[in-house]
Amino acid sequence: MDQMQGMQNQQQPSGMQNQMGGQQQQMTYQTPPPIITTKDHLYLNDMLSWNLLAMKKAHFFAEQCQDQEIKSVLEKTGQMHQRHYQKILSHLQTQQQQSIPMQ
């Protein structure tokens, strides 16, 4: 009986936990802020690296593959990662151009 009550108490969040959870909500922006923090920069760099690596791996395995159906899926996957890489890069370039003052 005591174990059952203990388990129920663990599953039910306390009032303090509910209040804390409500305070941890993040602000959402309608447009991105005009600056990129160091943390944002590192994450964007990681995203570029992940997409570049996935693109290279998909291309490599597509070249090795003899089954045309699988080869086609791998090629499409590589193209998708290339589009994602280009999209992230274009966002960064647009951000950089907007931050440069016009003379």
Protein backbone atom coordinates (compact mmCIF):
# COMPACT_ATOMS: atom_id res chain seq x y z
CA MET A 1 0.00 0.00 0.00
CA ASP A 2 2.80 2.43 0.92
CA GLN A 3 4.61 1.65 -2.36
CA MET A 4 1.44 2.37 -4.34
CA GLN A 5 1.00 5.76 -2.68
CA GLY A 6 4.68 6.56 -3.28
CA MET A 7 4.31 5.77 -6.98
CA GLN A 8 1.20 7.93 -7.25
CA ASN A 9 2.99 10.81 -5.56
CA GLN A 10 5.90 10.53 -8.01
CA GLN A 11 3.58 10.59 -11.03
CA GLN A 12 1.59 13.62 -9.92
CA PRO A 13 3.48 16.90 -10.27
CA SER A 14 3.40 19.15 -7.24
CA GLY A 15 2.01 22.67 -7.38
CA MET A 16 5.55 24.04 -7.19
CA GLN A 17 6.59 22.04 -10.26
CA ASN A 18 3.58 23.36 -12.19
CA GLN A 19 4.45 26.92 -11.26
CA MET A 20 8.09 26.42 -12.20
CA GLY A 21 7.12 24.88 -15.56
CA GLY A 22 4.96 27.89 -16.35
CA GLN A 23 7.87 30.24 -15.68
CA GLN A 24 10.17 28.37 -18.04
CA GLN A 25 8.17 29.10 -21.19
CA GLN A 26 10.22 30.76 -23.89
CA MET A 27 9.29 33.93 -25.69
CA THR A 28 8.37 33.50 -29.32
CA TYR A 29 9.32 36.09 -31.89
CA GLN A 30 7.25 37.02 -34.94
CA THR A 31 10.51 37.86 -36.73
CA PRO A 32 13.98 36.70 -35.79
CA PRO A 33 16.05 39.03 -33.62
CA PRO A 34 18.64 41.15 -35.50
CA ILE A 35 21.57 39.45 -33.76
CA ILE A 36 22.90 35.92 -33.64
CA THR A 37 24.17 34.81 -30.24
CA THR A 38 27.25 32.65 -29.84
CA LYS A 39 25.00 29.71 -28.98
CA ASP A 40 22.91 30.32 -32.12
CA HIS A 41 26.07 30.56 -34.22
CA LEU A 42 27.39 27.27 -32.87
CA TYR A 43 24.06 25.55 -33.49
CA LEU A 44 23.84 26.91 -37.05
CA ASN A 45 27.38 25.73 -37.69
CA ASP A 46 26.41 22.26 -36.42
CA MET A 47 23.32 22.22 -38.66
CA LEU A 48 25.44 23.08 -41.68
CA SER A 49 27.93 20.33 -40.77
CA TRP A 50 25.19 17.74 -40.22
CA ASN A 51 23.53 18.49 -43.55
CA LEU A 52 26.84 18.52 -45.43
CA LEU A 53 27.85 15.18 -43.91
CA ALA A 54 24.43 13.61 -44.61
CA MET A 55 24.60 14.87 -48.20
CA LYS A 56 28.09 13.38 -48.69
CA LYS A 57 27.10 10.05 -47.13
CA ALA A 58 23.93 9.75 -49.21
CA HIS A 59 25.93 10.49 -52.38
CA PHE A 60 28.62 7.97 -51.43
CA PHE A 61 26.14 5.20 -50.70
CA ALA A 62 24.11 5.96 -53.82
CA GLU A 63 27.29 5.47 -55.86
CA GLN A 64 27.91 2.12 -54.14
CA CYS A 65 24.34 0.88 -54.48
CA GLN A 66 23.29 -1.47 -57.28
CA ASP A 67 19.55 -1.54 -56.55
CA GLN A 68 18.14 1.34 -58.64
CA GLU A 69 15.20 1.96 -56.32
CA ILE A 70 17.43 2.34 -53.26
CA LYS A 71 19.93 4.36 -55.28
CA SER A 72 17.16 6.77 -56.31
CA VAL A 73 16.00 7.21 -52.70
CA LEU A 74 19.58 7.87 -51.57
CA GLU A 75 20.07 10.45 -54.32
CA LYS A 76 16.83 12.22 -53.34
CA THR A 77 17.93 12.17 -49.71
CA GLY A 78 21.27 13.73 -50.63
CA GLN A 79 19.50 16.42 -52.67
CA MET A 80 17.19 17.19 -49.74
CA HIS A 81 20.17 17.69 -47.42
CA GLN A 82 21.85 19.87 -50.04
CA ARG A 83 18.71 22.05 -50.24
CA HIS A 84 18.65 22.34 -46.44
CA TYR A 85 22.33 23.31 -46.43
CA GLN A 86 21.74 25.96 -49.10
CA LYS A 87 18.65 27.29 -47.30
CA ILE A 88 20.51 27.73 -44.01
CA LEU A 89 23.39 29.39 -45.84
CA SER A 90 21.07 31.78 -47.69
CA HIS A 91 19.40 32.78 -44.40
CA LEU A 92 22.81 33.52 -42.91
CA GLN A 93 23.88 35.54 -45.96
CA THR A 94 20.61 37.53 -45.89
CA GLN A 95 21.11 38.18 -42.17
CA GLN A 96 24.68 39.31 -42.79
CA GLN A 97 23.68 41.67 -45.63
CA GLN A 98 20.95 43.24 -43.50
CA SER A 99 23.37 43.89 -40.65
CA ILE A 100 25.90 45.75 -42.84
CA PRO A 101 25.15 49.49 -42.74
CA MET A 102 24.55 51.13 -46.13
CA GLN A 103 26.89 54.06 -46.94
